[in-house]
């Protein structure tokens, strides 16, 4: 691979990612989505990423499952909620296009 020293390597691309995560609260689940988002974008590009800017966020699907829990089968009943969220996120990604100069 030869890279021309004076070549412009910075490229910009709009990228869309769909991620589904689960958690004990809506805030926790959305936090997990954005943690996974960074890993997913790095995996998709496999190039040095300079900057990621979120343009649009759509919550495509939110599933809430309620489960009744008790202590010793009878005492202190409570209802716990579990969330599964599918989000579609549109990003603008600035990266170094090192493959542009491949020969």
Foldseek 3Di string as FASTA:
>chain_A
DDDDPPDDFKDKDKDKDKDKFKDQDPVVGVVVVVVVVVVVVCVVVVFAWDDKDWDDKDFPDKDKDWDWDADPVDHDIDITIMIMIIMMIIMMIIGGRPVVPDD
